[in-house]
Amino acid sequence: MPLSLCLSLSTLAGLIIAFVDTRISGFWLTSWAIVILCTLPGMGVWLGNVIRKWVMPDAVYGSTGAVIKARMFWAVLPQFIGWFIGLMAALGTLGLRG
């Protein structure tokens, strides 16, 4: 997935969480939550993309199903893992536990 699309979705998810979660109340906590929930997962997506470009193989050989599976893995999963780690760090920073 392109990095700009991943960062846009990450920012959208952060804004939705900041405004929908009932545990976040008050102007300053909501403002802080917007900053944290848009920044840390975005940094995780960026770091996941950097690691993806560094580790991703140049070519994948095999059957059609294996090639499609490998391409989907490298297109989505590293950024998603970075987003998830960034989201958990953001929620931990805000003191919001499951």
N, C-alpha and C. Protein backbone atom coordinates (compact mmCIF):
# COMPACT_ATOMS: atom_id res chain seq x y z
N MET A 1 0.84 -1.17 0.00
CA MET A 1 0.00 0.00 0.00
C MET A 1 0.89 1.23 0.00
N PRO A 2 0.52 2.25 -0.71
CA PRO A 2 1.35 3.46 -0.68
C PRO A 2 1.38 4.07 0.72
N LEU A 3 2.51 4.66 1.02
CA LEU A 3 2.71 5.23 2.35
C LEU A 3 1.70 6.33 2.65
N SER A 4 1.36 7.15 1.67
CA SER A 4 0.42 8.24 1.91
C SER A 4 -0.96 7.71 2.27
N LEU A 5 -1.39 6.62 1.64
CA LEU A 5 -2.68 6.02 1.98
C LEU A 5 -2.66 5.46 3.40
N CYS A 6 -1.59 4.79 3.76
CA CYS A 6 -1.47 4.24 5.12
C CYS A 6 -1.48 5.35 6.17
N LEU A 7 -0.76 6.43 5.90
CA LEU A 7 -0.73 7.53 6.87
C LEU A 7 -2.10 8.21 6.96
N SER A 8 -2.80 8.33 5.85
CA SER A 8 -4.14 8.93 5.88
C SER A 8 -5.11 8.08 6.67
N LEU A 9 -5.08 6.77 6.46
CA LEU A 9 -5.95 5.88 7.22
C LEU A 9 -5.59 5.88 8.70
N SER A 10 -4.31 5.96 9.00
CA SER A 10 -3.86 6.01 10.39
C SER A 10 -4.36 7.28 11.07
N THR A 11 -4.28 8.42 10.39
CA THR A 11 -4.76 9.67 10.95
C THR A 11 -6.27 9.64 11.13
N LEU A 12 -6.99 9.09 10.17
CA LEU A 12 -8.44 8.98 10.28
C LEU A 12 -8.84 8.10 11.46
N ALA A 13 -8.15 6.98 11.62
CA ALA A 13 -8.45 6.10 12.77
C ALA A 13 -8.15 6.80 14.09
N GLY A 14 -7.06 7.56 14.16
CA GLY A 14 -6.74 8.31 15.38
C GLY A 14 -7.79 9.35 15.72
N LEU A 15 -8.28 10.06 14.71
CA LEU A 15 -9.32 11.06 14.95
C LEU A 15 -10.62 10.41 15.41
N ILE A 16 -10.98 9.29 14.81
CA ILE A 16 -12.20 8.59 15.21
C ILE A 16 -12.08 8.11 16.65
N ILE A 17 -10.96 7.53 17.01
CA ILE A 17 -10.77 7.05 18.38
C ILE A 17 -10.80 8.22 19.36
N ALA A 18 -10.18 9.34 19.02
CA ALA A 18 -10.12 10.48 19.92
C ALA A 18 -11.51 11.06 20.20
N PHE A 19 -12.38 11.06 19.22
CA PHE A 19 -13.69 11.67 19.40
C PHE A 19 -14.76 10.69 19.84
N VAL A 20 -14.60 9.40 19.58
CA VAL A 20 -15.65 8.43 19.89
C VAL A 20 -15.46 7.79 21.27
N ASP A 21 -14.22 7.60 21.69
CA ASP A 21 -13.96 6.93 22.97
C ASP A 21 -14.48 7.79 24.13
N THR A 22 -15.36 7.21 24.94
CA THR A 22 -15.98 7.96 26.04
C THR A 22 -15.03 8.19 27.20
N ARG A 23 -13.92 7.47 27.25
CA ARG A 23 -12.95 7.68 28.33
C ARG A 23 -12.12 8.93 28.12
N ILE A 24 -12.16 9.50 26.92
CA ILE A 24 -11.44 10.73 26.62
C ILE A 24 -12.44 11.88 26.72
N SER A 25 -12.33 12.66 27.80
CA SER A 25 -13.27 13.76 27.99
C SER A 25 -12.49 15.02 28.38
N GLY A 26 -13.01 16.16 28.01
CA GLY A 26 -12.34 17.42 28.29
C GLY A 26 -11.55 17.92 27.10
N PHE A 27 -11.40 19.22 27.04
CA PHE A 27 -10.75 19.83 25.89
C PHE A 27 -9.27 19.45 25.81
N TRP A 28 -8.54 19.54 26.92
CA TRP A 28 -7.09 19.32 26.87
C TRP A 28 -6.75 17.85 26.65
N LEU A 29 -7.52 16.95 27.29
CA LEU A 29 -7.25 15.53 27.07
C LEU A 29 -7.60 15.13 25.64
N THR A 30 -8.69 15.69 25.10
CA THR A 30 -9.03 15.39 23.71
C THR A 30 -7.97 15.94 22.76
N SER A 31 -7.48 17.13 23.02
CA SER A 31 -6.43 17.72 22.18
C SER A 31 -5.16 16.87 22.23
N TRP A 32 -4.76 16.47 23.43
CA TRP A 32 -3.59 15.63 23.60
C TRP A 32 -3.80 14.28 22.92
N ALA A 33 -5.01 13.72 23.03
CA ALA A 33 -5.30 12.43 22.40
C ALA A 33 -5.22 12.54 20.88
N ILE A 34 -5.70 13.65 20.32
CA ILE A 34 -5.61 13.83 18.86
C ILE A 34 -4.16 13.85 18.42
N VAL A 35 -3.33 14.58 19.14
CA VAL A 35 -1.91 14.67 18.77
C VAL A 35 -1.23 13.30 18.89
N ILE A 36 -1.45 12.64 20.01
CA ILE A 36 -0.79 11.34 20.25
C ILE A 36 -1.32 10.26 19.31
N LEU A 37 -2.66 10.19 19.15
CA LEU A 37 -3.25 9.13 18.34
C LEU A 37 -3.02 9.33 16.85
N CYS A 38 -2.66 10.52 16.43
CA CYS A 38 -2.33 10.74 15.01
C CYS A 38 -0.83 10.64 14.76
N THR A 39 -0.01 10.89 15.77
CA THR A 39 1.43 10.91 15.59
C THR A 39 2.08 9.54 15.76
N LEU A 40 1.84 8.88 16.89
CA LEU A 40 2.54 7.61 17.17
C LEU A 40 2.18 6.49 16.19
N PRO A 41 0.90 6.25 15.88
CA PRO A 41 0.63 5.23 14.86
C PRO A 41 1.19 5.61 13.48
N GLY A 42 1.20 6.90 13.16
CA GLY A 42 1.78 7.33 11.89
C GLY A 42 3.28 7.06 11.83
N MET A 43 3.96 7.28 12.96
CA MET A 43 5.39 6.96 13.01
C MET A 43 5.60 5.45 12.89
N GLY A 44 4.68 4.66 13.47
CA GLY A 44 4.78 3.21 13.34
C GLY A 44 4.59 2.76 11.90
N VAL A 45 3.65 3.39 11.19
CA VAL A 45 3.44 3.08 9.77
C VAL A 45 4.69 3.42 8.97
N TRP A 46 5.26 4.59 9.24
CA TRP A 46 6.46 5.00 8.52
C TRP A 46 7.61 4.04 8.80
N LEU A 47 7.80 3.66 10.06
CA LEU A 47 8.86 2.73 10.41
C LEU A 47 8.62 1.36 9.78
N GLY A 48 7.38 0.91 9.77
CA GLY A 48 7.05 -0.35 9.11
C GLY A 48 7.36 -0.31 7.63
N ASN A 49 7.11 0.84 7.00
CA ASN A 49 7.43 0.98 5.58
C ASN A 49 8.93 0.98 5.33
N VAL A 50 9.68 1.61 6.22
CA VAL A 50 11.15 1.61 6.08
C VAL A 50 11.68 0.18 6.22
N ILE A 51 11.18 -0.55 7.20
CA ILE A 51 11.62 -1.94 7.39
C ILE A 51 11.19 -2.80 6.20
N ARG A 52 9.98 -2.55 5.67
CA ARG A 52 9.50 -3.30 4.51
C ARG A 52 10.42 -3.11 3.31
N LYS A 53 10.81 -1.87 3.05
CA LYS A 53 11.69 -1.60 1.91
C LYS A 53 13.08 -2.20 2.11
N TRP A 54 13.52 -2.30 3.35
CA TRP A 54 14.84 -2.83 3.64
C TRP A 54 14.87 -4.35 3.54
N VAL A 55 13.81 -5.02 3.97
CA VAL A 55 13.80 -6.48 4.08
C VAL A 55 13.12 -7.17 2.90
N MET A 56 12.24 -6.49 2.19
CA MET A 56 11.44 -7.11 1.14
C MET A 56 12.33 -7.69 0.03
N PRO A 57 12.04 -8.92 -0.40
CA PRO A 57 12.85 -9.51 -1.48
C PRO A 57 12.56 -8.83 -2.82
N ASP A 58 13.53 -8.87 -3.70
CA ASP A 58 13.37 -8.26 -5.02
C ASP A 58 12.40 -9.05 -5.90
N ALA A 59 12.41 -10.35 -5.76
CA ALA A 59 11.54 -11.19 -6.58
C ALA A 59 11.08 -12.39 -5.75
N VAL A 60 9.88 -12.85 -6.07
CA VAL A 60 9.32 -14.03 -5.42
C VAL A 60 8.96 -15.02 -6.52
N TYR A 61 9.47 -16.22 -6.41
CA TYR A 61 9.21 -17.25 -7.41
C TYR A 61 8.36 -18.34 -6.79
N GLY A 62 7.48 -18.90 -7.60
CA GLY A 62 6.64 -20.00 -7.14
C GLY A 62 5.36 -20.04 -7.94
N SER A 63 4.39 -20.74 -7.39
CA SER A 63 3.10 -20.83 -8.06
C SER A 63 2.38 -19.48 -7.96
N THR A 64 1.33 -19.34 -8.72
CA THR A 64 0.60 -18.08 -8.75
C THR A 64 0.04 -17.74 -7.38
N GLY A 65 -0.49 -18.72 -6.67
CA GLY A 65 -1.04 -18.47 -5.34
C GLY A 65 0.02 -18.01 -4.36
N ALA A 66 1.19 -18.61 -4.42
CA ALA A 66 2.27 -18.22 -3.51
C ALA A 66 2.75 -16.81 -3.80
N VAL A 67 2.83 -16.45 -5.08
CA VAL A 67 3.28 -15.11 -5.46
C VAL A 67 2.25 -14.07 -5.01
N ILE A 68 0.96 -14.35 -5.21
CA ILE A 68 -0.09 -13.42 -4.78
C ILE A 68 -0.07 -13.25 -3.28
N LYS A 69 0.09 -14.36 -2.55
CA LYS A 69 0.14 -14.29 -1.10
C LYS A 69 1.34 -13.48 -0.61
N ALA A 70 2.48 -13.68 -1.24
CA ALA A 70 3.69 -12.94 -0.85
C ALA A 70 3.55 -11.45 -1.16
N ARG A 71 2.96 -11.12 -2.32
CA ARG A 71 2.78 -9.72 -2.68
C ARG A 71 1.81 -9.03 -1.73
N MET A 72 0.74 -9.71 -1.35
CA MET A 72 -0.21 -9.12 -0.40
C MET A 72 0.43 -8.95 0.97
N PHE A 73 1.24 -9.92 1.38
CA PHE A 73 1.94 -9.82 2.66
C PHE A 73 2.83 -8.58 2.69
N TRP A 74 3.65 -8.41 1.66
CA TRP A 74 4.60 -7.30 1.66
C TRP A 74 3.93 -5.96 1.40
N ALA A 75 2.74 -5.97 0.82
CA ALA A 75 2.04 -4.71 0.56
C ALA A 75 1.36 -4.16 1.80
N VAL A 76 0.91 -5.03 2.71
CA VAL A 76 0.05 -4.58 3.81
C VAL A 76 0.63 -4.82 5.20
N LEU A 77 1.15 -5.99 5.45
CA LEU A 77 1.44 -6.41 6.81
C LEU A 77 2.50 -5.59 7.55
N PRO A 78 3.63 -5.22 6.98
CA PRO A 78 4.61 -4.46 7.76
C PRO A 78 4.07 -3.11 8.25
N GLN A 79 3.30 -2.41 7.40
CA GLN A 79 2.73 -1.14 7.83
C GLN A 79 1.67 -1.36 8.90
N PHE A 80 0.88 -2.43 8.76
CA PHE A 80 -0.15 -2.71 9.76
C PHE A 80 0.47 -3.04 11.11
N ILE A 81 1.54 -3.81 11.12
CA ILE A 81 2.22 -4.14 12.37
C ILE A 81 2.78 -2.87 13.01
N GLY A 82 3.38 -2.00 12.21
CA GLY A 82 3.88 -0.73 12.74
C GLY A 82 2.76 0.14 13.27
N TRP A 83 1.61 0.17 12.57
CA TRP A 83 0.46 0.94 13.04
C TRP A 83 -0.04 0.41 14.37
N PHE A 84 -0.15 -0.92 14.48
CA PHE A 84 -0.66 -1.53 15.70
C PHE A 84 0.26 -1.26 16.89
N ILE A 85 1.56 -1.36 16.68
CA ILE A 85 2.51 -1.07 17.77
C ILE A 85 2.43 0.41 18.15
N GLY A 86 2.33 1.30 17.17
CA GLY A 86 2.18 2.73 17.45
C GLY A 86 0.87 3.04 18.17
N LEU A 87 -0.22 2.36 17.80
CA LEU A 87 -1.50 2.55 18.47
C LEU A 87 -1.42 2.09 19.92
N MET A 88 -0.81 0.95 20.17
CA MET A 88 -0.67 0.47 21.55
C MET A 88 0.18 1.41 22.37
N ALA A 89 1.24 1.96 21.78
CA ALA A 89 2.06 2.94 22.49
C ALA A 89 1.27 4.22 22.79
N ALA A 90 0.45 4.66 21.83
CA ALA A 90 -0.37 5.85 22.04
C ALA A 90 -1.40 5.64 23.13
N LEU A 91 -2.07 4.49 23.10
CA LEU A 91 -3.07 4.21 24.13
C LEU A 91 -2.42 4.05 25.50
N GLY A 92 -1.23 3.48 25.53
CA GLY A 92 -0.50 3.40 26.80
C GLY A 92 -0.08 4.76 27.31
N THR A 93 0.32 5.65 26.41
CA THR A 93 0.70 7.01 26.80
C THR A 93 -0.50 7.76 27.37
N LEU A 94 -1.66 7.54 26.79
CA LEU A 94 -2.87 8.21 27.27
C LEU A 94 -3.47 7.55 28.50
N GLY A 95 -2.98 6.38 28.86
CA GLY A 95 -3.50 5.67 30.02
C GLY A 95 -4.80 4.94 29.74
N LEU A 96 -5.06 4.62 28.49
CA LEU A 96 -6.29 3.90 28.12
C LEU A 96 -5.95 2.44 27.91
N ARG A 97 -6.40 1.62 28.80
CA ARG A 97 -6.17 0.18 28.71
C ARG A 97 -7.48 -0.48 28.33
N GLY A 98 -7.37 -1.54 27.49
CA GLY A 98 -8.48 -2.29 26.97
C GLY A 98 -9.63 -2.35 27.83
